[in-house]
Amino acid sequence: MCTDYTNLNKACLKEAYLLPSIYKLVDGAAGHKVMSFLDAYSGYNQIPMHEADKSKTAFMTDKIVKSKNSEQHAKDLEEIFS
């Protein structure tokens, strides 16, 4: 048995925020001494959302913070979280 999902794929909305390629992530890290990877999939500091409002959200949850040194990294992280 084979199922053709062509019409289903055409009916689905395309993602507004495409994932970056691994090459862009690696190249973007060059020259930085400190990096932090922040991902919401691990469950840290997540606030439960009302079920009826989940369909209204559209944002990326993963962030990478790159800095030239430790002092600048602390400032960069503070900016991200403020």
N, C-alpha and C. Protein backbone atom coordinates (compact mmCIF):
# COMPACT_ATOMS: atom_id res chain seq x y z
N MET A 1 0.84 -1.17 0.00
CA MET A 1 0.00 0.00 0.00
C MET A 1 0.90 1.24 0.00
N CYS A 2 0.54 2.22 -0.80
CA CYS A 2 1.29 3.46 -0.90
C CYS A 2 0.32 4.63 -0.75
N THR A 3 0.68 5.60 0.08
CA THR A 3 -0.18 6.76 0.30
C THR A 3 0.46 7.97 -0.33
N ASP A 4 -0.29 8.68 -1.14
CA ASP A 4 0.20 9.88 -1.80
C ASP A 4 -0.19 11.11 -0.96
N TYR A 5 0.82 11.80 -0.41
CA TYR A 5 0.58 12.96 0.44
C TYR A 5 0.77 14.28 -0.31
N THR A 6 0.79 14.25 -1.62
CA THR A 6 1.02 15.46 -2.41
C THR A 6 0.02 16.55 -2.08
N ASN A 7 -1.26 16.22 -2.09
CA ASN A 7 -2.30 17.24 -1.83
C ASN A 7 -2.23 17.74 -0.39
N LEU A 8 -1.89 16.87 0.56
CA LEU A 8 -1.74 17.28 1.95
C LEU A 8 -0.57 18.27 2.07
N ASN A 9 0.54 17.98 1.43
CA ASN A 9 1.69 18.88 1.48
C ASN A 9 1.37 20.24 0.87
N LYS A 10 0.59 20.25 -0.20
CA LYS A 10 0.22 21.52 -0.84
C LYS A 10 -0.69 22.35 0.07
N ALA A 11 -1.53 21.68 0.87
CA ALA A 11 -2.48 22.37 1.74
C ALA A 11 -1.82 22.91 3.02
N CYS A 12 -0.70 22.35 3.42
CA CYS A 12 -0.05 22.77 4.66
C CYS A 12 0.70 24.09 4.47
N LEU A 13 0.67 24.92 5.51
CA LEU A 13 1.41 26.18 5.48
C LEU A 13 2.91 25.90 5.53
N LYS A 14 3.66 26.69 4.79
CA LYS A 14 5.11 26.58 4.82
C LYS A 14 5.63 27.27 6.07
N GLU A 15 6.76 26.79 6.59
CA GLU A 15 7.34 27.40 7.78
C GLU A 15 7.86 28.79 7.48
N ALA A 16 7.53 29.73 8.34
CA ALA A 16 7.99 31.11 8.16
C ALA A 16 9.47 31.26 8.52
N TYR A 17 9.96 30.43 9.44
CA TYR A 17 11.35 30.52 9.90
C TYR A 17 12.06 29.21 9.58
N LEU A 18 12.85 29.21 8.54
CA LEU A 18 13.57 28.01 8.15
C LEU A 18 14.76 27.80 9.07
N LEU A 19 15.13 26.54 9.26
CA LEU A 19 16.28 26.23 10.09
C LEU A 19 17.56 26.59 9.34
N PRO A 20 18.54 27.15 10.03
CA PRO A 20 19.80 27.48 9.36
C PRO A 20 20.58 26.21 9.05
N SER A 21 21.38 26.24 8.01
CA SER A 21 22.18 25.06 7.66
C SER A 21 23.34 24.94 8.64
N ILE A 22 23.84 23.72 8.81
CA ILE A 22 24.95 23.47 9.73
C ILE A 22 26.19 24.24 9.29
N TYR A 23 26.37 24.42 7.99
CA TYR A 23 27.54 25.15 7.50
C TYR A 23 27.51 26.61 7.97
N LYS A 24 26.34 27.24 7.95
CA LYS A 24 26.23 28.62 8.42
C LYS A 24 26.51 28.71 9.91
N LEU A 25 26.04 27.73 10.68
CA LEU A 25 26.27 27.73 12.12
C LEU A 25 27.76 27.57 12.44
N VAL A 26 28.42 26.64 11.77
CA VAL A 26 29.84 26.40 12.02
C VAL A 26 30.67 27.59 11.57
N ASP A 27 30.42 28.09 10.37
CA ASP A 27 31.16 29.25 9.86
C ASP A 27 30.94 30.48 10.74
N GLY A 28 29.75 30.65 11.26
CA GLY A 28 29.44 31.78 12.12
C GLY A 28 30.14 31.72 13.47
N ALA A 29 30.59 30.53 13.86
CA ALA A 29 31.26 30.37 15.15
C ALA A 29 32.75 30.71 15.07
N ALA A 30 33.30 30.80 13.88
CA ALA A 30 34.73 31.05 13.71
C ALA A 30 35.13 32.37 14.37
N GLY A 31 36.23 32.33 15.13
CA GLY A 31 36.75 33.54 15.75
C GLY A 31 36.15 33.89 17.09
N HIS A 32 35.20 33.12 17.57
CA HIS A 32 34.57 33.38 18.87
C HIS A 32 35.15 32.43 19.90
N LYS A 33 35.42 32.92 21.09
CA LYS A 33 36.01 32.10 22.14
C LYS A 33 34.97 31.48 23.06
N VAL A 34 33.80 32.09 23.16
CA VAL A 34 32.76 31.61 24.08
C VAL A 34 31.45 31.49 23.32
N MET A 35 30.74 30.38 23.54
CA MET A 35 29.43 30.18 22.92
C MET A 35 28.47 29.58 23.93
N SER A 36 27.20 29.96 23.84
CA SER A 36 26.14 29.35 24.64
C SER A 36 25.05 28.90 23.69
N PHE A 37 24.57 27.68 23.89
CA PHE A 37 23.47 27.16 23.11
C PHE A 37 22.25 27.12 24.01
N LEU A 38 21.21 27.81 23.63
CA LEU A 38 19.99 27.87 24.43
C LEU A 38 18.88 27.19 23.64
N ASP A 39 18.38 26.08 24.16
CA ASP A 39 17.32 25.40 23.42
C ASP A 39 16.14 25.11 24.32
N ALA A 40 14.97 25.40 23.81
CA ALA A 40 13.74 25.23 24.59
C ALA A 40 13.23 23.80 24.55
N TYR A 41 13.83 22.96 23.73
CA TYR A 41 13.36 21.58 23.65
C TYR A 41 13.75 20.78 24.89
N SER A 42 14.75 21.21 25.63
CA SER A 42 15.19 20.48 26.82
C SER A 42 14.30 20.72 28.02
N GLY A 43 13.44 21.70 27.96
CA GLY A 43 12.47 21.93 29.02
C GLY A 43 12.90 22.91 30.09
N TYR A 44 13.99 23.64 29.89
CA TYR A 44 14.44 24.58 30.91
C TYR A 44 13.57 25.84 30.89
N ASN A 45 13.11 26.25 32.05
CA ASN A 45 12.38 27.51 32.23
C ASN A 45 11.20 27.68 31.28
N GLN A 46 10.52 26.61 30.97
CA GLN A 46 9.37 26.72 30.09
C GLN A 46 8.12 27.01 30.90
N ILE A 47 7.31 27.91 30.39
CA ILE A 47 6.06 28.28 31.05
C ILE A 47 4.92 27.64 30.27
N PRO A 48 4.07 26.86 30.94
CA PRO A 48 2.96 26.21 30.23
C PRO A 48 2.04 27.26 29.58
N MET A 49 1.59 26.97 28.39
CA MET A 49 0.71 27.87 27.65
C MET A 49 -0.70 27.28 27.62
N HIS A 50 -1.68 28.13 27.70
CA HIS A 50 -3.07 27.68 27.62
C HIS A 50 -3.27 26.97 26.28
N GLU A 51 -3.90 25.83 26.33
CA GLU A 51 -4.07 25.00 25.12
C GLU A 51 -4.69 25.76 23.96
N ALA A 52 -5.67 26.62 24.23
CA ALA A 52 -6.36 27.36 23.17
C ALA A 52 -5.45 28.39 22.50
N ASP A 53 -4.36 28.78 23.16
CA ASP A 53 -3.47 29.81 22.60
C ASP A 53 -2.26 29.24 21.85
N LYS A 54 -2.03 27.96 21.91
CA LYS A 54 -0.85 27.36 21.28
C LYS A 54 -0.82 27.60 19.77
N SER A 55 -1.96 27.59 19.13
CA SER A 55 -1.99 27.78 17.68
C SER A 55 -1.65 29.21 17.26
N LYS A 56 -1.63 30.14 18.21
CA LYS A 56 -1.37 31.55 17.90
C LYS A 56 0.10 31.92 17.99
N THR A 57 0.94 30.97 18.35
CA THR A 57 2.36 31.27 18.53
C THR A 57 3.16 30.98 17.26
N ALA A 58 4.15 31.79 17.03
CA ALA A 58 5.06 31.57 15.90
C ALA A 58 6.39 32.24 16.23
N PHE A 59 7.34 31.47 16.72
CA PHE A 59 8.65 32.01 17.04
C PHE A 59 9.67 30.89 17.10
N MET A 60 10.93 31.24 16.92
CA MET A 60 12.01 30.26 17.06
C MET A 60 12.45 30.24 18.52
N THR A 61 12.76 29.06 19.01
CA THR A 61 13.14 28.95 20.41
C THR A 61 14.63 28.74 20.62
N ASP A 62 15.34 28.30 19.61
CA ASP A 62 16.78 28.05 19.77
C ASP A 62 17.58 29.30 19.48
N LYS A 63 18.60 29.54 20.29
CA LYS A 63 19.48 30.69 20.10
C LYS A 63 20.91 30.25 20.33
N ILE A 64 21.81 30.88 19.62
CA ILE A 64 23.24 30.67 19.84
C ILE A 64 23.83 32.05 20.10
N VAL A 65 24.51 32.19 21.22
CA VAL A 65 25.15 33.45 21.58
C VAL A 65 26.66 33.24 21.46
N LYS A 66 27.30 34.04 20.60
CA LYS A 66 28.75 33.94 20.36
C LYS A 66 29.41 35.24 20.77
N SER A 67 30.54 35.14 21.47
CA SER A 67 31.22 36.34 21.94
C SER A 67 32.73 36.16 21.83
N LYS A 68 33.42 37.28 21.72
CA LYS A 68 34.88 37.26 21.57
C LYS A 68 35.60 36.94 22.87
N ASN A 69 34.97 37.21 24.03
CA ASN A 69 35.60 36.91 25.32
C ASN A 69 34.52 36.74 26.38
N SER A 70 34.94 36.32 27.58
CA SER A 70 34.00 36.01 28.66
C SER A 70 33.23 37.23 29.14
N GLU A 71 33.91 38.37 29.24
CA GLU A 71 33.24 39.58 29.71
C GLU A 71 32.14 40.01 28.74
N GLN A 72 32.46 39.99 27.45
CA GLN A 72 31.46 40.36 26.45
C GLN A 72 30.32 39.35 26.41
N HIS A 73 30.65 38.08 26.67
CA HIS A 73 29.63 37.03 26.65
C HIS A 73 28.58 37.27 27.74
N ALA A 74 29.04 37.67 28.92
CA ALA A 74 28.10 37.97 30.00
C ALA A 74 27.17 39.11 29.59
N LYS A 75 27.70 40.13 28.92
CA LYS A 75 26.88 41.26 28.48
C LYS A 75 25.91 40.80 27.39
N ASP A 76 26.38 39.96 26.47
CA ASP A 76 25.52 39.46 25.38
C ASP A 76 24.36 38.63 25.92
N LEU A 77 24.65 37.77 26.90
CA LEU A 77 23.59 36.96 27.50
C LEU A 77 22.57 37.83 28.23
N GLU A 78 23.06 38.85 28.92
CA GLU A 78 22.16 39.77 29.62
C GLU A 78 21.23 40.46 28.63
N GLU A 79 21.77 40.84 27.48
CA GLU A 79 20.95 41.50 26.45
C GLU A 79 19.89 40.55 25.90
N ILE A 80 20.25 39.29 25.70
CA ILE A 80 19.30 38.31 25.17
C ILE A 80 18.14 38.10 26.14
N PHE A 81 18.44 38.04 27.43
CA PHE A 81 17.41 37.74 28.42
C PHE A 81 16.67 38.94 28.96
N SER A 82 17.05 40.15 28.56
CA SER A 82 16.34 41.32 29.07
C SER A 82 15.26 41.79 28.13
